[in-house]
Amino acid sequence: MAKPKLKAHHINREWCKGCGICVHFCPTKVLELDDEDKSVAVRLEDCICCMQCELRCPDLAIEVETE
């Protein structure tokens, strides 16, 4: 089975409350909190599409789109 390939990584900044759960659970450190305490994907090339950020976000603010 082929590994999923990242198509897009969407973060709804209006829904994000800056809890940092997604940052904590990302195994490849793709996500960080910016100076507004909102999640931002800073290293998309390192994303392995594990979906942990999307699954763990309590506000449903993250969507990982794969090909």
PDB file of N, CA and C in Angstrom:
ATOM      1  N   MET A   1       0.841  -1.177   0.000  1.00  0.00           N
ATOM      2  CA  MET A   1       0.000   0.000   0.000  1.00  0.00           C
ATOM      3  C   MET A   1       0.889   1.245   0.000  1.00  0.00           C
ATOM      4  N   ALA A   2       0.600   2.166  -0.889  1.00  0.00           N
ATOM      5  CA  ALA A   2       1.390   3.388  -1.014  1.00  0.00           C
ATOM      6  C   ALA A   2       1.088   4.354   0.131  1.00  0.00           C
ATOM      7  N   LYS A   3       2.117   5.103   0.515  1.00  0.00           N
ATOM      8  CA  LYS A   3       1.917   6.107   1.551  1.00  0.00           C
ATOM      9  C   LYS A   3       1.134   7.269   0.966  1.00  0.00           C
ATOM     10  N   PRO A   4       0.229   7.863   1.748  1.00  0.00           N
ATOM     11  CA  PRO A   4      -0.524   9.005   1.231  1.00  0.00           C
ATOM     12  C   PRO A   4       0.408  10.197   0.978  1.00  0.00           C
ATOM     13  N   LYS A   5       0.067  10.957  -0.048  1.00  0.00           N
ATOM     14  CA  LYS A   5       0.850  12.132  -0.399  1.00  0.00           C
ATOM     15  C   LYS A   5       0.030  13.381  -0.093  1.00  0.00           C
ATOM     16  N   LEU A   6       0.659  14.353   0.536  1.00  0.00           N
ATOM     17  CA  LEU A   6      -0.035  15.574   0.934  1.00  0.00           C
ATOM     18  C   LEU A   6      -0.458  16.373  -0.281  1.00  0.00           C
ATOM     19  N   LYS A   7      -1.729  16.721  -0.315  1.00  0.00           N
ATOM     20  CA  LYS A   7      -2.254  17.591  -1.369  1.00  0.00           C
ATOM     21  C   LYS A   7      -2.402  19.014  -0.823  1.00  0.00           C
ATOM     22  N   ALA A   8      -2.966  19.127   0.380  1.00  0.00           N
ATOM     23  CA  ALA A   8      -3.141  20.440   1.012  1.00  0.00           C
ATOM     24  C   ALA A   8      -3.308  20.265   2.518  1.00  0.00           C
ATOM     25  N   HIS A   9      -2.935  21.304   3.229  1.00  0.00           N
ATOM     26  CA  HIS A   9      -3.051  21.325   4.692  1.00  0.00           C
ATOM     27  C   HIS A   9      -3.796  22.610   5.044  1.00  0.00           C
ATOM     28  N   HIS A  10      -5.044  22.472   5.466  1.00  0.00           N
ATOM     29  CA  HIS A  10      -5.888  23.636   5.744  1.00  0.00           C
ATOM     30  C   HIS A  10      -6.027  23.838   7.252  1.00  0.00           C
ATOM     31  N   ILE A  11      -5.824  25.072   7.680  1.00  0.00           N
ATOM     32  CA  ILE A  11      -6.041  25.432   9.087  1.00  0.00           C
ATOM     33  C   ILE A  11      -6.989  26.620   9.108  1.00  0.00           C
ATOM     34  N   ASN A  12      -8.151  26.434   9.724  1.00  0.00           N
ATOM     35  CA  ASN A  12      -9.118  27.512   9.857  1.00  0.00           C
ATOM     36  C   ASN A  12      -8.714  28.349  11.069  1.00  0.00           C
ATOM     37  N   ARG A  13      -8.107  29.492  10.806  1.00  0.00           N
ATOM     38  CA  ARG A  13      -7.575  30.333  11.885  1.00  0.00           C
ATOM     39  C   ARG A  13      -8.677  30.934  12.751  1.00  0.00           C
ATOM     40  N   GLU A  14      -9.876  31.058  12.231  1.00  0.00           N
ATOM     41  CA  GLU A  14     -10.987  31.573  13.034  1.00  0.00           C
ATOM     42  C   GLU A  14     -11.423  30.551  14.082  1.00  0.00           C
ATOM     43  N   TRP A  15     -11.300  29.273  13.761  1.00  0.00           N
ATOM     44  CA  TRP A  15     -11.714  28.220  14.683  1.00  0.00           C
ATOM     45  C   TRP A  15     -10.606  27.841  15.654  1.00  0.00           C
ATOM     46  N   CYS A  16      -9.348  28.050  15.267  1.00  0.00           N
ATOM     47  CA  CYS A  16      -8.212  27.662  16.105  1.00  0.00           C
ATOM     48  C   CYS A  16      -8.167  28.527  17.363  1.00  0.00           C
ATOM     49  N   LYS A  17      -8.100  27.867  18.534  1.00  0.00           N
ATOM     50  CA  LYS A  17      -8.013  28.618  19.786  1.00  0.00           C
ATOM     51  C   LYS A  17      -6.594  28.630  20.348  1.00  0.00           C
ATOM     52  N   GLY A  18      -5.674  27.997  19.629  1.00  0.00           N
ATOM     53  CA  GLY A  18      -4.267  28.035  20.038  1.00  0.00           C
ATOM     54  C   GLY A  18      -3.937  27.135  21.210  1.00  0.00           C
ATOM     55  N   CYS A  19      -4.615  26.006  21.330  1.00  0.00           N
ATOM     56  CA  CYS A  19      -4.377  25.109  22.462  1.00  0.00           C
ATOM     57  C   CYS A  19      -3.046  24.364  22.343  1.00  0.00           C
ATOM     58  N   GLY A  20      -2.540  24.184  21.107  1.00  0.00           N
ATOM     59  CA  GLY A  20      -1.250  23.533  20.903  1.00  0.00           C
ATOM     60  C   GLY A  20      -1.287  22.013  20.868  1.00  0.00           C
ATOM     61  N   ILE A  21      -2.472  21.424  20.924  1.00  0.00           N
ATOM     62  CA  ILE A  21      -2.581  19.966  20.880  1.00  0.00           C
ATOM     63  C   ILE A  21      -2.003  19.429  19.578  1.00  0.00           C
ATOM     64  N   CYS A  22      -2.321  20.081  18.468  1.00  0.00           N
ATOM     65  CA  CYS A  22      -1.817  19.630  17.167  1.00  0.00           C
ATOM     66  C   CYS A  22      -0.296  19.707  17.110  1.00  0.00           C
ATOM     67  N   VAL A  23       0.262  20.757  17.676  1.00  0.00           N
ATOM     68  CA  VAL A  23       1.720  20.937  17.704  1.00  0.00           C
ATOM     69  C   VAL A  23       2.353  19.804  18.511  1.00  0.00           C
ATOM     70  N   HIS A  24       1.775  19.492  19.630  1.00  0.00           N
ATOM     71  CA  HIS A  24       2.302  18.453  20.508  1.00  0.00           C
ATOM     72  C   HIS A  24       2.294  17.072  19.858  1.00  0.00           C
ATOM     73  N   PHE A  25       1.212  16.737  19.149  1.00  0.00           N
ATOM     74  CA  PHE A  25       1.071  15.393  18.594  1.00  0.00           C
ATOM     75  C   PHE A  25       1.702  15.206  17.222  1.00  0.00           C
ATOM     76  N   CYS A  26       2.149  16.268  16.569  1.00  0.00           N
ATOM     77  CA  CYS A  26       2.762  16.124  15.241  1.00  0.00           C
ATOM     78  C   CYS A  26       4.134  15.459  15.376  1.00  0.00           C
ATOM     79  N   PRO A  27       4.299  14.249  14.810  1.00  0.00           N
ATOM     80  CA  PRO A  27       5.556  13.521  14.985  1.00  0.00           C
ATOM     81  C   PRO A  27       6.738  14.125  14.223  1.00  0.00           C
ATOM     82  N   THR A  28       6.463  14.935  13.208  1.00  0.00           N
ATOM     83  CA  THR A  28       7.554  15.508  12.409  1.00  0.00           C
ATOM     84  C   THR A  28       7.699  17.017  12.599  1.00  0.00           C
ATOM     85  N   LYS A  29       7.017  17.564  13.587  1.00  0.00           N
ATOM     86  CA  LYS A  29       7.129  18.989  13.955  1.00  0.00           C
ATOM     87  C   LYS A  29       6.812  19.924  12.792  1.00  0.00           C
ATOM     88  N   VAL A  30       5.762  19.597  12.046  1.00  0.00           N
ATOM     89  CA  VAL A  30       5.314  20.428  10.929  1.00  0.00           C
ATOM     90  C   VAL A  30       4.631  21.693  11.441  1.00  0.00           C
ATOM     91  N   LEU A  31       3.932  21.578  12.559  1.00  0.00           N
ATOM     92  CA  LEU A  31       3.122  22.683  13.071  1.00  0.00           C
ATOM     93  C   LEU A  31       3.807  23.438  14.205  1.00  0.00           C
ATOM     94  N   GLU A  32       3.507  24.730  14.256  1.00  0.00           N
ATOM     95  CA  GLU A  32       3.953  25.603  15.350  1.00  0.00           C
ATOM     96  C   GLU A  32       2.839  26.592  15.648  1.00  0.00           C
ATOM     97  N   LEU A  33       2.903  27.202  16.820  1.00  0.00           N
ATOM     98  CA  LEU A  33       2.000  28.308  17.134  1.00  0.00           C
ATOM     99  C   LEU A  33       2.705  29.602  16.767  1.00  0.00           C
ATOM    100  N   ASP A  34       1.982  30.488  16.064  1.00  0.00           N
ATOM    101  CA  ASP A  34       2.579  31.766  15.681  1.00  0.00           C
ATOM    102  C   ASP A  34       2.444  32.792  16.809  1.00  0.00           C
ATOM    103  N   ASP A  35       2.788  34.029  16.536  1.00  0.00           N
ATOM    104  CA  ASP A  35       2.748  35.065  17.578  1.00  0.00           C
ATOM    105  C   ASP A  35       1.324  35.449  17.983  1.00  0.00           C
ATOM    106  N   GLU A  36       0.315  34.972  17.254  1.00  0.00           N
ATOM    107  CA  GLU A  36      -1.083  35.175  17.637  1.00  0.00           C
ATOM    108  C   GLU A  36      -1.642  33.932  18.335  1.00  0.00           C
ATOM    109  N   ASP A  37      -0.755  32.969  18.653  1.00  0.00           N
ATOM    110  CA  ASP A  37      -1.140  31.683  19.257  1.00  0.00           C
ATOM    111  C   ASP A  37      -2.139  30.920  18.394  1.00  0.00           C
ATOM    112  N   LYS A  38      -1.905  30.936  17.098  1.00  0.00           N
ATOM    113  CA  LYS A  38      -2.699  30.163  16.147  1.00  0.00           C
ATOM    114  C   LYS A  38      -1.771  29.151  15.492  1.00  0.00           C
ATOM    115  N   SER A  39      -2.305  27.992  15.178  1.00  0.00           N
ATOM    116  CA  SER A  39      -1.515  26.943  14.547  1.00  0.00           C
ATOM    117  C   SER A  39      -1.176  27.324  13.111  1.00  0.00           C
ATOM    118  N   VAL A  40       0.048  27.028  12.728  1.00  0.00           N
ATOM    119  CA  VAL A  40       0.501  27.290  11.368  1.00  0.00           C
ATOM    120  C   VAL A  40       1.440  26.160  10.943  1.00  0.00           C
ATOM    121  N   ALA A  41       1.291  25.725   9.683  1.00  0.00           N
ATOM    122  CA  ALA A  41       2.159  24.675   9.143  1.00  0.00           C
ATOM    123  C   ALA A  41       3.414  25.339   8.584  1.00  0.00           C
ATOM    124  N   VAL A  42       4.544  25.103   9.232  1.00  0.00           N
ATOM    125  CA  VAL A  42       5.780  25.768   8.836  1.00  0.00           C
ATOM    126  C   VAL A  42       6.719  24.870   8.028  1.00  0.00           C
ATOM    127  N   ARG A  43       6.515  23.575   8.081  1.00  0.00           N
ATOM    128  CA  ARG A  43       7.378  22.631   7.346  1.00  0.00           C
ATOM    129  C   ARG A  43       6.519  21.589   6.631  1.00  0.00           C
ATOM    130  N   LEU A  44       5.732  22.018   5.662  1.00  0.00           N
ATOM    131  CA  LEU A  44       4.834  21.109   4.959  1.00  0.00           C
ATOM    132  C   LEU A  44       5.572  19.972   4.267  1.00  0.00           C
ATOM    133  N   GLU A  45       6.798  20.218   3.856  1.00  0.00           N
ATOM    134  CA  GLU A  45       7.574  19.178   3.165  1.00  0.00           C
ATOM    135  C   GLU A  45       7.868  17.988   4.090  1.00  0.00           C
ATOM    136  N   ASP A  46       7.765  18.188   5.406  1.00  0.00           N
ATOM    137  CA  ASP A  46       8.016  17.116   6.374  1.00  0.00           C
ATOM    138  C   ASP A  46       6.751  16.351   6.771  1.00  0.00           C
ATOM    139  N   CYS A  47       5.589  16.791   6.292  1.00  0.00           N
ATOM    140  CA  CYS A  47       4.318  16.161   6.666  1.00  0.00           C
ATOM    141  C   CYS A  47       4.254  14.734   6.113  1.00  0.00           C
ATOM    142  N   ILE A  48       3.923  13.779   6.991  1.00  0.00           N
ATOM    143  CA  ILE A  48       3.813  12.375   6.578  1.00  0.00           C
ATOM    144  C   ILE A  48       2.344  11.940   6.487  1.00  0.00           C
ATOM    145  N   CYS A  49       1.440  12.892   6.576  1.00  0.00           N
ATOM    146  CA  CYS A  49      -0.011  12.642   6.444  1.00  0.00           C
ATOM    147  C   CYS A  49      -0.511  11.621   7.457  1.00  0.00           C
ATOM    148  N   CYS A  50      -0.034  11.707   8.673  1.00  0.00           N
ATOM    149  CA  CYS A  50      -0.488  10.781   9.718  1.00  0.00           C
ATOM    150  C   CYS A  50      -1.861  11.175  10.247  1.00  0.00           C
ATOM    151  N   MET A  51      -2.273  12.400   9.978  1.00  0.00           N
ATOM    152  CA  MET A  51      -3.585  12.936  10.340  1.00  0.00           C
ATOM    153  C   MET A  51      -3.767  13.174  11.837  1.00  0.00           C
ATOM    154  N   GLN A  52      -2.707  13.078  12.615  1.00  0.00           N
ATOM    155  CA  GLN A  52      -2.830  13.270  14.062  1.00  0.00           C
ATOM    156  C   GLN A  52      -3.340  14.670  14.392  1.00  0.00           C
ATOM    157  N   CYS A  53      -2.898  15.671  13.651  1.00  0.00           N
ATOM    158  CA  CYS A  53      -3.355  17.041  13.916  1.00  0.00           C
ATOM    159  C   CYS A  53      -4.858  17.162  13.683  1.00  0.00           C
ATOM    160  N   GLU A  54      -5.312  16.600  12.564  1.00  0.00           N
ATOM    161  CA  GLU A  54      -6.737  16.656  12.233  1.00  0.00           C
ATOM    162  C   GLU A  54      -7.576  15.866  13.235  1.00  0.00           C
ATOM    163  N   LEU A  55      -7.108  14.701  13.609  1.00  0.00           N
ATOM    164  CA  LEU A  55      -7.851  13.849  14.537  1.00  0.00           C
ATOM    165  C   LEU A  55      -7.890  14.405  15.953  1.00  0.00           C
ATOM    166  N   ARG A  56      -6.834  15.060  16.379  1.00  0.00           N
ATOM    167  CA  ARG A  56      -6.736  15.530  17.765  1.00  0.00           C
ATOM    168  C   ARG A  56      -7.291  16.931  17.998  1.00  0.00           C
ATOM    169  N   CYS A  57      -7.476  17.712  16.934  1.00  0.00           N
ATOM    170  CA  CYS A  57      -7.937  19.101  17.096  1.00  0.00           C
ATOM    171  C   CYS A  57      -9.348  19.124  17.679  1.00  0.00           C
ATOM    172  N   PRO A  58      -9.512  19.686  18.875  1.00  0.00           N
ATOM    173  CA  PRO A  58     -10.833  19.706  19.503  1.00  0.00           C
ATOM    174  C   PRO A  58     -11.799  20.680  18.824  1.00  0.00           C
ATOM    175  N   ASP A  59     -11.283  21.576  18.001  1.00  0.00           N
ATOM    176  CA  ASP A  59     -12.114  22.577  17.350  1.00  0.00           C
ATOM    177  C   ASP A  59     -12.374  22.271  15.873  1.00  0.00           C
ATOM    178  N   LEU A  60     -11.878  21.123  15.400  1.00  0.00           N
ATOM    179  CA  LEU A  60     -12.035  20.713  13.998  1.00  0.00           C
ATOM    180  C   LEU A  60     -11.515  21.783  13.044  1.00  0.00           C
ATOM    181  N   ALA A  61     -10.434  22.439  13.426  1.00  0.00           N
ATOM    182  CA  ALA A  61      -9.886  23.549  12.658  1.00  0.00           C
ATOM    183  C   ALA A  61      -8.865  23.116  11.613  1.00  0.00           C
ATOM    184  N   ILE A  62      -8.501  21.826  11.597  1.00  0.00           N
ATOM    185  CA  ILE A  62      -7.459  21.356  10.690  1.00  0.00           C
ATOM    186  C   ILE A  62      -8.017  20.279   9.764  1.00  0.00           C
ATOM    187  N   GLU A  63      -7.666  20.410   8.485  1.00  0.00           N
ATOM    188  CA  GLU A  63      -8.012  19.384   7.502  1.00  0.00           C
ATOM    189  C   GLU A  63      -6.768  19.066   6.685  1.00  0.00           C
ATOM    190  N   VAL A  64      -6.415  17.793   6.660  1.00  0.00           N
ATOM    191  CA  VAL A  64      -5.278  17.327   5.858  1.00  0.00           C
ATOM    192  C   VAL A  64      -5.856  16.633   4.629  1.00  0.00           C
ATOM    193  N   GLU A  65      -5.532  17.173   3.470  1.00  0.00           N
ATOM    194  CA  GLU A  65      -6.034  16.631   2.209  1.00  0.00           C
ATOM    195  C   GLU A  65      -4.926  15.823   1.541  1.00  0.00           C
ATOM    196  N   THR A  66      -5.230  14.580   1.190  1.00  0.00           N
ATOM    197  CA  THR A  66      -4.235  13.732   0.546  1.00  0.00           C
ATOM    198  C   THR A  66      -4.679  13.387  -0.878  1.00  0.00           C
ATOM    199  N   GLU A  67      -3.689  12.981  -1.674  1.00  0.00           N
ATOM    200  CA  GLU A  67      -3.972  12.594  -3.067  1.00  0.00           C
ATOM    201  C   GLU A  67      -4.389  11.144  -3.129  1.00  0.00           C
TER     202      GLU A  67
END
